[in-house]
Amino acid sequence: MYQVYAYGKEYACPVNILLYPMTPNVKANVATYRHHPLDASEASIHICSIDLTDTGKSHRTVAEQLRGLLTNLLVLQTEEPSTPMEIGA
């Protein structure tokens, strides 16, 4: 987590993502953190996962999941945080 934060600060990235494979106990958008939670201009770290369990899925399906994830995160970035830690849907 600290390494993602450090890279985000170093390269002035407003949206930073820790990406993991999805498991039955982990949903797609796990959580969003900001160093200063109520400051919408503060860089955010999103902990997310994508479904890699079906070996019959093509790379295109994974790409579609990533595209959807990034689109959702860009929308989230424009909204004001309502709590110190936002839990994704």
C-alpha atoms as a PDB file:
ATOM      1  CA  MET A   1       0.000   0.000   0.000  1.00  0.00           C
ATOM      2  CA  TYR A   2       2.785   2.410   0.907  1.00  0.00           C
ATOM      3  CA  GLN A   3       4.624   1.710  -2.366  1.00  0.00           C
ATOM      4  CA  VAL A   4       1.515   2.575  -4.420  1.00  0.00           C
ATOM      5  CA  TYR A   5       1.106   5.766  -2.384  1.00  0.00           C
ATOM      6  CA  ALA A   6       4.776   6.686  -2.927  1.00  0.00           C
ATOM      7  CA  TYR A   7       4.566   6.115  -6.702  1.00  0.00           C
ATOM      8  CA  GLY A   8       1.340   8.118  -6.875  1.00  0.00           C
ATOM      9  CA  LYS A   9       3.004  11.031  -5.102  1.00  0.00           C
ATOM     10  CA  GLU A  10       6.227  10.812  -7.119  1.00  0.00           C
ATOM     11  CA  TYR A  11       4.456  10.750 -10.493  1.00  0.00           C
ATOM     12  CA  ALA A  12       1.485  12.955  -9.496  1.00  0.00           C
ATOM     13  CA  CYS A  13      -1.081  10.237 -10.296  1.00  0.00           C
ATOM     14  CA  PRO A  14      -4.547  11.112  -8.965  1.00  0.00           C
ATOM     15  CA  VAL A  15      -5.845   7.518  -9.338  1.00  0.00           C
ATOM     16  CA  ASN A  16      -3.751   4.550  -8.154  1.00  0.00           C
ATOM     17  CA  ILE A  17      -4.863   0.919  -8.236  1.00  0.00           C
ATOM     18  CA  LEU A  18      -3.885  -2.249  -6.371  1.00  0.00           C
ATOM     19  CA  LEU A  19      -5.277  -5.034  -8.550  1.00  0.00           C
ATOM     20  CA  TYR A  20      -5.859  -8.603  -7.345  1.00  0.00           C
ATOM     21  CA  PRO A  21      -7.551 -11.709  -8.758  1.00  0.00           C
ATOM     22  CA  MET A  22     -11.176 -11.990  -7.608  1.00  0.00           C
ATOM     23  CA  THR A  23     -12.057 -14.724  -5.111  1.00  0.00           C
ATOM     24  CA  PRO A  24     -15.446 -15.773  -3.709  1.00  0.00           C
ATOM     25  CA  ASN A  25     -14.834 -13.591  -0.633  1.00  0.00           C
ATOM     26  CA  VAL A  26     -13.546 -10.528  -2.498  1.00  0.00           C
ATOM     27  CA  LYS A  27     -15.782  -8.258  -4.557  1.00  0.00           C
ATOM     28  CA  ALA A  28     -14.707  -6.218  -7.590  1.00  0.00           C
ATOM     29  CA  ASN A  29     -14.159  -2.891  -5.778  1.00  0.00           C
ATOM     30  CA  VAL A  30     -12.861  -3.610  -2.302  1.00  0.00           C
ATOM     31  CA  ALA A  31     -12.090  -0.146  -0.945  1.00  0.00           C
ATOM     32  CA  THR A  32     -10.817   3.338  -1.705  1.00  0.00           C
ATOM     33  CA  TYR A  33      -8.349   5.174   0.505  1.00  0.00           C
ATOM     34  CA  ARG A  34      -7.054   8.733   0.596  1.00  0.00           C
ATOM     35  CA  HIS A  35      -4.332  10.081   2.894  1.00  0.00           C
ATOM     36  CA  HIS A  36      -6.657  13.010   3.676  1.00  0.00           C
ATOM     37  CA  PRO A  37     -10.106  11.374   3.208  1.00  0.00           C
ATOM     38  CA  LEU A  38     -12.184  14.527   2.864  1.00  0.00           C
ATOM     39  CA  ASP A  39      -9.884  16.163   0.320  1.00  0.00           C
ATOM     40  CA  ALA A  40     -11.211  15.137  -3.125  1.00  0.00           C
ATOM     41  CA  SER A  41      -8.058  16.520  -4.764  1.00  0.00           C
ATOM     42  CA  GLU A  42      -5.901  14.077  -2.788  1.00  0.00           C
ATOM     43  CA  ALA A  43      -4.593  11.091  -4.740  1.00  0.00           C
ATOM     44  CA  SER A  44      -6.619   7.946  -4.140  1.00  0.00           C
ATOM     45  CA  ILE A  45      -5.659   4.278  -3.872  1.00  0.00           C
ATOM     46  CA  HIS A  46      -8.293   1.829  -5.069  1.00  0.00           C
ATOM     47  CA  ILE A  47      -8.103  -1.839  -4.108  1.00  0.00           C
ATOM     48  CA  CYS A  48      -9.895  -3.811  -6.828  1.00  0.00           C
ATOM     49  CA  SER A  49     -10.098  -7.296  -8.269  1.00  0.00           C
ATOM     50  CA  ILE A  50     -10.982  -8.901 -11.594  1.00  0.00           C
ATOM     51  CA  ASP A  51     -12.365 -12.364 -12.328  1.00  0.00           C
ATOM     52  CA  LEU A  52      -9.694 -14.725 -13.636  1.00  0.00           C
ATOM     53  CA  THR A  53     -11.294 -17.973 -12.459  1.00  0.00           C
ATOM     54  CA  ASP A  54     -12.894 -19.106 -15.732  1.00  0.00           C
ATOM     55  CA  THR A  55     -10.029 -20.425 -17.831  1.00  0.00           C
ATOM     56  CA  GLY A  56     -12.330 -20.461 -20.872  1.00  0.00           C
ATOM     57  CA  LYS A  57     -12.518 -16.666 -20.860  1.00  0.00           C
ATOM     58  CA  SER A  58     -10.563 -14.847 -23.516  1.00  0.00           C
ATOM     59  CA  HIS A  59      -8.086 -12.042 -22.950  1.00  0.00           C
ATOM     60  CA  ARG A  60     -10.757  -9.780 -24.400  1.00  0.00           C
ATOM     61  CA  THR A  61     -13.025 -10.507 -21.409  1.00  0.00           C
ATOM     62  CA  VAL A  62     -10.227  -9.545 -19.016  1.00  0.00           C
ATOM     63  CA  ALA A  63      -9.628  -6.380 -21.052  1.00  0.00           C
ATOM     64  CA  GLU A  64     -13.364  -5.577 -20.851  1.00  0.00           C
ATOM     65  CA  GLN A  65     -13.271  -6.009 -17.055  1.00  0.00           C
ATOM     66  CA  LEU A  66     -10.269  -3.691 -16.820  1.00  0.00           C
ATOM     67  CA  ARG A  67     -11.941  -1.122 -19.089  1.00  0.00           C
ATOM     68  CA  GLY A  68     -15.093  -1.188 -16.934  1.00  0.00           C
ATOM     69  CA  LEU A  69     -13.054  -0.921 -13.744  1.00  0.00           C
ATOM     70  CA  LEU A  70     -11.113   2.087 -15.019  1.00  0.00           C
ATOM     71  CA  THR A  71     -14.277   3.780 -16.276  1.00  0.00           C
ATOM     72  CA  ASN A  72     -15.921   3.324 -12.848  1.00  0.00           C
ATOM     73  CA  LEU A  73     -12.847   4.654 -11.056  1.00  0.00           C
ATOM     74  CA  LEU A  74     -12.745   7.763 -13.222  1.00  0.00           C
ATOM     75  CA  VAL A  75     -16.396   8.441 -12.362  1.00  0.00           C
ATOM     76  CA  LEU A  76     -15.644   7.851  -8.669  1.00  0.00           C
ATOM     77  CA  GLN A  77     -12.703  10.261  -8.854  1.00  0.00           C
ATOM     78  CA  THR A  78     -15.011  13.115  -9.847  1.00  0.00           C
ATOM     79  CA  GLU A  79     -17.371  12.534  -6.900  1.00  0.00           C
ATOM     80  CA  GLU A  80     -16.746  13.924  -3.429  1.00  0.00           C
ATOM     81  CA  PRO A  81     -15.974  11.276  -0.796  1.00  0.00           C
ATOM     82  CA  SER A  82     -18.735  10.965   1.783  1.00  0.00           C
ATOM     83  CA  THR A  83     -16.723   9.061   4.402  1.00  0.00           C
ATOM     84  CA  PRO A  84     -13.040   8.638   5.245  1.00  0.00           C
ATOM     85  CA  MET A  85     -13.051   5.236   3.550  1.00  0.00           C
ATOM     86  CA  GLU A  86     -15.332   4.539   0.601  1.00  0.00           C
ATOM     87  CA  ILE A  87     -16.369   0.942   0.132  1.00  0.00           C
ATOM     88  CA  GLY A  88     -17.073   0.027  -3.496  1.00  0.00           C
ATOM     89  CA  ALA A  89     -20.124  -1.845  -4.734  1.00  0.00           C
END
